[in-house]
Amino acid sequence: MVKTNKQVETSWAWFVARYEKLGFRSLNQFAGEMGFQKSSLSRYFHLQRQIPSGMMSALCITLKVSPNTLMKVIGEEWK
C-alpha cells in the first residue's frame, strides 16, 4: 500500500512527540540510548520500510505503547 504524505507526516510527528514525551531531546539521543539504528527508525516512521516483527516488541516496550497503537501509527492493521 502506498502511503500519502499526510500519513508520513502524521507517523513521524507521532514518533517525535512520543520520544520527546519520554524525555529524549533528539532522534540521536533516543536511538543511541535505546540501542536502535537511527536510520532504521527514520525509515520505519517515514513509512519507507516495514518494522520487522522482531523489532515490534522492543519498540513497543521502549515507546511504552501497545502493539495495536504502534500498528495504527504506521498505518498497518493488526492481523
PDB file of N, CA and C in Angstrom:
ATOM      1  N   MET A   1       0.832  -1.174   0.000  1.00  0.00           N
ATOM      2  CA  MET A   1       0.000   0.000   0.000  1.00  0.00           C
ATOM      3  C   MET A   1       0.883   1.247   0.000  1.00  0.00           C
ATOM      4  N   VAL A   2       0.581   2.167  -0.882  1.00  0.00           N
ATOM      5  CA  VAL A   2       1.319   3.417  -0.978  1.00  0.00           C
ATOM      6  C   VAL A   2       0.814   4.369   0.109  1.00  0.00           C
ATOM      7  N   LYS A   3       1.732   4.976   0.811  1.00  0.00           N
ATOM      8  CA  LYS A   3       1.386   5.900   1.896  1.00  0.00           C
ATOM      9  C   LYS A   3       1.353   7.329   1.365  1.00  0.00           C
ATOM     10  N   THR A   4       0.421   8.113   1.843  1.00  0.00           N
ATOM     11  CA  THR A   4       0.333   9.510   1.444  1.00  0.00           C
ATOM     12  C   THR A   4       1.297  10.355   2.262  1.00  0.00           C
ATOM     13  N   ASN A   5       1.556  11.561   1.767  1.00  0.00           N
ATOM     14  CA  ASN A   5       2.411  12.486   2.521  1.00  0.00           C
ATOM     15  C   ASN A   5       1.832  12.773   3.895  1.00  0.00           C
ATOM     16  N   LYS A   6       0.517  12.885   3.981  1.00  0.00           N
ATOM     17  CA  LYS A   6      -0.150  13.144   5.265  1.00  0.00           C
ATOM     18  C   LYS A   6       0.102  11.998   6.241  1.00  0.00           C
ATOM     19  N   GLN A   7       0.024  10.761   5.757  1.00  0.00           N
ATOM     20  CA  GLN A   7       0.281   9.603   6.620  1.00  0.00           C
ATOM     21  C   GLN A   7       1.723   9.614   7.118  1.00  0.00           C
ATOM     22  N   VAL A   8       2.645   9.947   6.243  1.00  0.00           N
ATOM     23  CA  VAL A   8       4.062  10.003   6.626  1.00  0.00           C
ATOM     24  C   VAL A   8       4.264  11.099   7.678  1.00  0.00           C
ATOM     25  N   GLU A   9       3.710  12.275   7.428  1.00  0.00           N
ATOM     26  CA  GLU A   9       3.850  13.385   8.377  1.00  0.00           C
ATOM     27  C   GLU A   9       3.255  13.025   9.734  1.00  0.00           C
ATOM     28  N   THR A  10       2.106  12.386   9.728  1.00  0.00           N
ATOM     29  CA  THR A  10       1.434  12.012  10.964  1.00  0.00           C
ATOM     30  C   THR A  10       2.244  10.982  11.744  1.00  0.00           C
ATOM     31  N   SER A  11       2.747   9.982  11.046  1.00  0.00           N
ATOM     32  CA  SER A  11       3.543   8.940  11.698  1.00  0.00           C
ATOM     33  C   SER A  11       4.815   9.523  12.308  1.00  0.00           C
ATOM     34  N   TRP A  12       5.520  10.332  11.536  1.00  0.00           N
ATOM     35  CA  TRP A  12       6.769  10.920  12.031  1.00  0.00           C
ATOM     36  C   TRP A  12       6.501  11.861  13.205  1.00  0.00           C
ATOM     37  N   ALA A  13       5.464  12.682  13.089  1.00  0.00           N
ATOM     38  CA  ALA A  13       5.127  13.618  14.175  1.00  0.00           C
ATOM     39  C   ALA A  13       4.779  12.861  15.453  1.00  0.00           C
ATOM     40  N   TRP A  14       4.043  11.764  15.328  1.00  0.00           N
ATOM     41  CA  TRP A  14       3.702  10.949  16.495  1.00  0.00           C
ATOM     42  C   TRP A  14       4.977  10.417  17.152  1.00  0.00           C
ATOM     43  N   PHE A  15       5.875   9.872  16.335  1.00  0.00           N
ATOM     44  CA  PHE A  15       7.109   9.296  16.865  1.00  0.00           C
ATOM     45  C   PHE A  15       7.939  10.352  17.598  1.00  0.00           C
ATOM     46  N   VAL A  16       8.118  11.505  16.996  1.00  0.00           N
ATOM     47  CA  VAL A  16       8.900  12.577  17.628  1.00  0.00           C
ATOM     48  C   VAL A  16       8.240  13.001  18.939  1.00  0.00           C
ATOM     49  N   ALA A  17       6.928  13.204  18.911  1.00  0.00           N
ATOM     50  CA  ALA A  17       6.219  13.598  20.134  1.00  0.00           C
ATOM     51  C   ALA A  17       6.356  12.529  21.217  1.00  0.00           C
ATOM     52  N   ARG A  18       6.332  11.271  20.799  1.00  0.00           N
ATOM     53  CA  ARG A  18       6.413  10.167  21.772  1.00  0.00           C
ATOM     54  C   ARG A  18       7.781  10.115  22.438  1.00  0.00           C
ATOM     55  N   TYR A  19       8.862  10.152  21.645  1.00  0.00           N
ATOM     56  CA  TYR A  19      10.176  10.069  22.301  1.00  0.00           C
ATOM     57  C   TYR A  19      10.461  11.328  23.116  1.00  0.00           C
ATOM     58  N   GLU A  20       9.948  12.473  22.680  1.00  0.00           N
ATOM     59  CA  GLU A  20      10.117  13.687  23.492  1.00  0.00           C
ATOM     60  C   GLU A  20       9.343  13.584  24.804  1.00  0.00           C
ATOM     61  N   LYS A  21       8.146  13.016  24.759  1.00  0.00           N
ATOM     62  CA  LYS A  21       7.357  12.830  25.981  1.00  0.00           C
ATOM     63  C   LYS A  21       8.090  11.917  26.966  1.00  0.00           C
ATOM     64  N   LEU A  22       8.876  10.988  26.438  1.00  0.00           N
ATOM     65  CA  LEU A  22       9.632  10.069  27.276  1.00  0.00           C
ATOM     66  C   LEU A  22      10.953  10.675  27.765  1.00  0.00           C
ATOM     67  N   GLY A  23      11.203  11.952  27.392  1.00  0.00           N
ATOM     68  CA  GLY A  23      12.369  12.658  27.922  1.00  0.00           C
ATOM     69  C   GLY A  23      13.583  12.714  27.017  1.00  0.00           C
ATOM     70  N   PHE A  24      13.461  12.270  25.794  1.00  0.00           N
ATOM     71  CA  PHE A  24      14.586  12.324  24.857  1.00  0.00           C
ATOM     72  C   PHE A  24      14.512  13.621  24.071  1.00  0.00           C
ATOM     73  N   ARG A  25      15.665  14.233  23.832  1.00  0.00           N
ATOM     74  CA  ARG A  25      15.714  15.524  23.145  1.00  0.00           C
ATOM     75  C   ARG A  25      15.833  15.395  21.631  1.00  0.00           C
ATOM     76  N   SER A  26      16.288  14.237  21.154  1.00  0.00           N
ATOM     77  CA  SER A  26      16.520  14.096  19.719  1.00  0.00           C
ATOM     78  C   SER A  26      16.456  12.623  19.313  1.00  0.00           C
ATOM     79  N   LEU A  27      16.355  12.421  18.007  1.00  0.00           N
ATOM     80  CA  LEU A  27      16.405  11.063  17.481  1.00  0.00           C
ATOM     81  C   LEU A  27      17.753  10.430  17.801  1.00  0.00           C
ATOM     82  N   ASN A  28      18.819  11.207  17.696  1.00  0.00           N
ATOM     83  CA  ASN A  28      20.156  10.691  18.029  1.00  0.00           C
ATOM     84  C   ASN A  28      20.206  10.165  19.457  1.00  0.00           C
ATOM     85  N   GLN A  29      19.683  10.944  20.383  1.00  0.00           N
ATOM     86  CA  GLN A  29      19.713  10.538  21.780  1.00  0.00           C
ATOM     87  C   GLN A  29      18.862   9.287  21.997  1.00  0.00           C
ATOM     88  N   PHE A  30      17.643   9.300  21.462  1.00  0.00           N
ATOM     89  CA  PHE A  30      16.752   8.151  21.619  1.00  0.00           C
ATOM     90  C   PHE A  30      17.391   6.890  21.054  1.00  0.00           C
ATOM     91  N   ALA A  31      17.849   6.959  19.811  1.00  0.00           N
ATOM     92  CA  ALA A  31      18.438   5.789  19.154  1.00  0.00           C
ATOM     93  C   ALA A  31      19.670   5.295  19.906  1.00  0.00           C
ATOM     94  N   GLY A  32      20.550   6.218  20.266  1.00  0.00           N
ATOM     95  CA  GLY A  32      21.782   5.838  20.952  1.00  0.00           C
ATOM     96  C   GLY A  32      21.550   5.206  22.304  1.00  0.00           C
ATOM     97  N   GLU A  33      20.700   5.811  23.099  1.00  0.00           N
ATOM     98  CA  GLU A  33      20.466   5.304  24.450  1.00  0.00           C
ATOM     99  C   GLU A  33      19.631   4.025  24.466  1.00  0.00           C
ATOM    100  N   MET A  34      18.785   3.851  23.464  1.00  0.00           N
ATOM    101  CA  MET A  34      17.907   2.685  23.452  1.00  0.00           C
ATOM    102  C   MET A  34      18.435   1.554  22.576  1.00  0.00           C
ATOM    103  N   GLY A  35      19.532   1.781  21.868  1.00  0.00           N
ATOM    104  CA  GLY A  35      20.174   0.725  21.087  1.00  0.00           C
ATOM    105  C   GLY A  35      19.557   0.456  19.725  1.00  0.00           C
ATOM    106  N   PHE A  36      18.902   1.451  19.154  1.00  0.00           N
ATOM    107  CA  PHE A  36      18.326   1.307  17.822  1.00  0.00           C
ATOM    108  C   PHE A  36      19.201   2.040  16.808  1.00  0.00           C
ATOM    109  N   GLN A  37      19.084   1.654  15.546  1.00  0.00           N
ATOM    110  CA  GLN A  37      19.751   2.369  14.466  1.00  0.00           C
ATOM    111  C   GLN A  37      18.900   3.579  14.092  1.00  0.00           C
ATOM    112  N   LYS A  38      19.504   4.756  14.109  1.00  0.00           N
ATOM    113  CA  LYS A  38      18.783   5.989  13.796  1.00  0.00           C
ATOM    114  C   LYS A  38      18.166   5.916  12.400  1.00  0.00           C
ATOM    115  N   SER A  39      18.920   5.438  11.430  1.00  0.00           N
ATOM    116  CA  SER A  39      18.422   5.382  10.052  1.00  0.00           C
ATOM    117  C   SER A  39      17.239   4.426   9.923  1.00  0.00           C
ATOM    118  N   SER A  40      17.261   3.332  10.654  1.00  0.00           N
ATOM    119  CA  SER A  40      16.140   2.385  10.604  1.00  0.00           C
ATOM    120  C   SER A  40      14.890   3.006  11.206  1.00  0.00           C
ATOM    121  N   LEU A  41      15.037   3.671  12.336  1.00  0.00           N
ATOM    122  CA  LEU A  41      13.885   4.332  12.954  1.00  0.00           C
ATOM    123  C   LEU A  41      13.287   5.367  12.010  1.00  0.00           C
ATOM    124  N   SER A  42      14.136   6.133  11.370  1.00  0.00           N
ATOM    125  CA  SER A  42      13.665   7.136  10.421  1.00  0.00           C
ATOM    126  C   SER A  42      12.881   6.484   9.289  1.00  0.00           C
ATOM    127  N   ARG A  43      13.397   5.391   8.764  1.00  0.00           N
ATOM    128  CA  ARG A  43      12.697   4.698   7.672  1.00  0.00           C
ATOM    129  C   ARG A  43      11.366   4.111   8.138  1.00  0.00           C
ATOM    130  N   TYR A  44      11.321   3.558   9.344  1.00  0.00           N
ATOM    131  CA  TYR A  44      10.071   2.984   9.854  1.00  0.00           C
ATOM    132  C   TYR A  44       8.991   4.051   9.981  1.00  0.00           C
ATOM    133  N   PHE A  45       9.339   5.188  10.580  1.00  0.00           N
ATOM    134  CA  PHE A  45       8.331   6.201  10.875  1.00  0.00           C
ATOM    135  C   PHE A  45       8.126   7.211   9.747  1.00  0.00           C
ATOM    136  N   HIS A  46       8.968   7.126   8.706  1.00  0.00           N
ATOM    137  CA  HIS A  46       8.682   7.851   7.462  1.00  0.00           C
ATOM    138  C   HIS A  46       7.983   6.905   6.476  1.00  0.00           C
ATOM    139  N   LEU A  47       7.625   5.728   6.974  1.00  0.00           N
ATOM    140  CA  LEU A  47       6.849   4.722   6.233  1.00  0.00           C
ATOM    141  C   LEU A  47       7.531   4.272   4.944  1.00  0.00           C
ATOM    142  N   GLN A  48       8.860   4.223   4.992  1.00  0.00           N
ATOM    143  CA  GLN A  48       9.638   3.768   3.849  1.00  0.00           C
ATOM    144  C   GLN A  48       9.972   2.288   3.956  1.00  0.00           C
ATOM    145  N   ARG A  49       9.801   1.757   5.153  1.00  0.00           N
ATOM    146  CA  ARG A  49      10.179   0.366   5.415  1.00  0.00           C
ATOM    147  C   ARG A  49       9.297  -0.174   6.525  1.00  0.00           C
ATOM    148  N   GLN A  50       8.910  -1.437   6.408  1.00  0.00           N
ATOM    149  CA  GLN A  50       8.106  -2.050   7.458  1.00  0.00           C
ATOM    150  C   GLN A  50       8.981  -2.362   8.668  1.00  0.00           C
ATOM    151  N   ILE A  51       8.372  -2.255   9.832  1.00  0.00           N
ATOM    152  CA  ILE A  51       9.073  -2.617  11.061  1.00  0.00           C
ATOM    153  C   ILE A  51       9.135  -4.141  11.112  1.00  0.00           C
ATOM    154  N   PRO A  52      10.325  -4.722  11.223  1.00  0.00           N
ATOM    155  CA  PRO A  52      10.425  -6.181  11.307  1.00  0.00           C
ATOM    156  C   PRO A  52       9.696  -6.700  12.545  1.00  0.00           C
ATOM    157  N   SER A  53       9.107  -7.869  12.420  1.00  0.00           N
ATOM    158  CA  SER A  53       8.328  -8.425  13.536  1.00  0.00           C
ATOM    159  C   SER A  53       9.169  -8.546  14.805  1.00  0.00           C
ATOM    160  N   GLY A  54      10.423  -8.858  14.682  1.00  0.00           N
ATOM    161  CA  GLY A  54      11.293  -8.980  15.842  1.00  0.00           C
ATOM    162  C   GLY A  54      11.596  -7.655  16.526  1.00  0.00           C
ATOM    163  N   MET A  55      11.378  -6.569  15.823  1.00  0.00           N
ATOM    164  CA  MET A  55      11.638  -5.231  16.361  1.00  0.00           C
ATOM    165  C   MET A  55      10.394  -4.639  17.021  1.00  0.00           C
ATOM    166  N   MET A  56       9.222  -5.140  16.663  1.00  0.00           N
ATOM    167  CA  MET A  56       7.962  -4.581  17.178  1.00  0.00           C
ATOM    168  C   MET A  56       7.922  -4.577  18.702  1.00  0.00           C
ATOM    169  N   SER A  57       8.251  -5.680  19.308  1.00  0.00           N
ATOM    170  CA  SER A  57       8.190  -5.787  20.762  1.00  0.00           C
ATOM    171  C   SER A  57       9.121  -4.784  21.431  1.00  0.00           C
ATOM    172  N   ALA A  58      10.349  -4.698  20.947  1.00  0.00           N
ATOM    173  CA  ALA A  58      11.320  -3.768  21.529  1.00  0.00           C
ATOM    174  C   ALA A  58      10.849  -2.323  21.400  1.00  0.00           C
ATOM    175  N   LEU A  59      10.299  -1.978  20.245  1.00  0.00           N
ATOM    176  CA  LEU A  59       9.801  -0.610  20.058  1.00  0.00           C
ATOM    177  C   LEU A  59       8.608  -0.328  20.956  1.00  0.00           C
ATOM    178  N   CYS A  60       7.700  -1.281  21.066  1.00  0.00           N
ATOM    179  CA  CYS A  60       6.528  -1.086  21.921  1.00  0.00           C
ATOM    180  C   CYS A  60       6.933  -0.880  23.376  1.00  0.00           C
ATOM    181  N   ILE A  61       7.841  -1.695  23.833  1.00  0.00           N
ATOM    182  CA  ILE A  61       8.312  -1.579  25.220  1.00  0.00           C
ATOM    183  C   ILE A  61       9.017  -0.237  25.425  1.00  0.00           C
ATOM    184  N   THR A  62       9.906   0.112  24.512  1.00  0.00           N
ATOM    185  CA  THR A  62      10.677   1.348  24.634  1.00  0.00           C
ATOM    186  C   THR A  62       9.793   2.584  24.552  1.00  0.00           C
ATOM    187  N   LEU A  63       8.822   2.558  23.623  1.00  0.00           N
ATOM    188  CA  LEU A  63       7.934   3.708  23.447  1.00  0.00           C
ATOM    189  C   LEU A  63       6.742   3.682  24.404  1.00  0.00           C
ATOM    190  N   LYS A  64       6.606   2.574  25.141  1.00  0.00           N
ATOM    191  CA  LYS A  64       5.535   2.398  26.128  1.00  0.00           C
ATOM    192  C   LYS A  64       4.144   2.520  25.482  1.00  0.00           C
ATOM    193  N   VAL A  65       3.980   1.749  24.409  1.00  0.00           N
ATOM    194  CA  VAL A  65       2.696   1.692  23.704  1.00  0.00           C
ATOM    195  C   VAL A  65       2.373   0.231  23.396  1.00  0.00           C
ATOM    196  N   SER A  66       1.110  -0.018  23.114  1.00  0.00           N
ATOM    197  CA  SER A  66       0.700  -1.370  22.739  1.00  0.00           C
ATOM    198  C   SER A  66       1.058  -1.637  21.280  1.00  0.00           C
ATOM    199  N   PRO A  67       1.167  -2.911  20.913  1.00  0.00           N
ATOM    200  CA  PRO A  67       1.395  -3.237  19.501  1.00  0.00           C
ATOM    201  C   PRO A  67       0.298  -2.660  18.610  1.00  0.00           C
ATOM    202  N   ASN A  68      -0.940  -2.683  19.080  1.00  0.00           N
ATOM    203  CA  ASN A  68      -2.048  -2.151  18.297  1.00  0.00           C
ATOM    204  C   ASN A  68      -1.856  -0.659  18.029  1.00  0.00           C
ATOM    205  N   THR A  69      -1.430   0.082  19.035  1.00  0.00           N
ATOM    206  CA  THR A  69      -1.179   1.517  18.860  1.00  0.00           C
ATOM    207  C   THR A  69      -0.082   1.749  17.834  1.00  0.00           C
ATOM    208  N   LEU A  70       1.006   1.022  17.956  1.00  0.00           N
ATOM    209  CA  LEU A  70       2.117   1.196  17.024  1.00  0.00           C
ATOM    210  C   LEU A  70       1.699   0.841  15.602  1.00  0.00           C
ATOM    211  N   MET A  71       0.927  -0.208  15.450  1.00  0.00           N
ATOM    212  CA  MET A  71       0.458  -0.602  14.121  1.00  0.00           C
ATOM    213  C   MET A  71      -0.422   0.492  13.517  1.00  0.00           C
ATOM    214  N   LYS A  72      -1.289   1.082  14.305  1.00  0.00           N
ATOM    215  CA  LYS A  72      -2.146   2.170  13.811  1.00  0.00           C
ATOM    216  C   LYS A  72      -1.308   3.368  13.374  1.00  0.00           C
ATOM    217  N   VAL A  73      -0.269   3.681  14.138  1.00  0.00           N
ATOM    218  CA  VAL A  73       0.595   4.830  13.827  1.00  0.00           C
ATOM    219  C   VAL A  73       1.245   4.650  12.460  1.00  0.00           C
ATOM    220  N   ILE A  74       1.677   3.452  12.164  1.00  0.00           N
ATOM    221  CA  ILE A  74       2.362   3.215  10.891  1.00  0.00           C
ATOM    222  C   ILE A  74       1.384   2.816   9.781  1.00  0.00           C
ATOM    223  N   GLY A  75       0.106   2.848  10.084  1.00  0.00           N
ATOM    224  CA  GLY A  75      -0.903   2.609   9.058  1.00  0.00           C
ATOM    225  C   GLY A  75      -1.086   1.165   8.651  1.00  0.00           C
ATOM    226  N   GLU A  76      -0.832   0.271   9.565  1.00  0.00           N
ATOM    227  CA  GLU A  76      -0.999  -1.151   9.299  1.00  0.00           C
ATOM    228  C   GLU A  76      -2.108  -1.706  10.175  1.00  0.00           C
ATOM    229  N   GLU A  77      -2.660  -2.820   9.766  1.00  0.00           N
ATOM    230  CA  GLU A  77      -3.684  -3.474  10.554  1.00  0.00           C
ATOM    231  C   GLU A  77      -3.070  -4.640  11.319  1.00  0.00           C
ATOM    232  N   TRP A  78      -3.547  -4.830  12.537  1.00  0.00           N
ATOM    233  CA  TRP A  78      -3.109  -5.966  13.352  1.00  0.00           C
ATOM    234  C   TRP A  78      -3.844  -7.191  12.838  1.00  0.00           C
ATOM    235  N   LYS A  79      -3.096  -8.188  12.403  1.00  0.00           N
ATOM    236  CA  LYS A  79      -3.719  -9.396  11.825  1.00  0.00           C
ATOM    237  C   LYS A  79      -3.396 -10.603  12.669  1.00  0.00           C
TER     238      LYS A  79
END
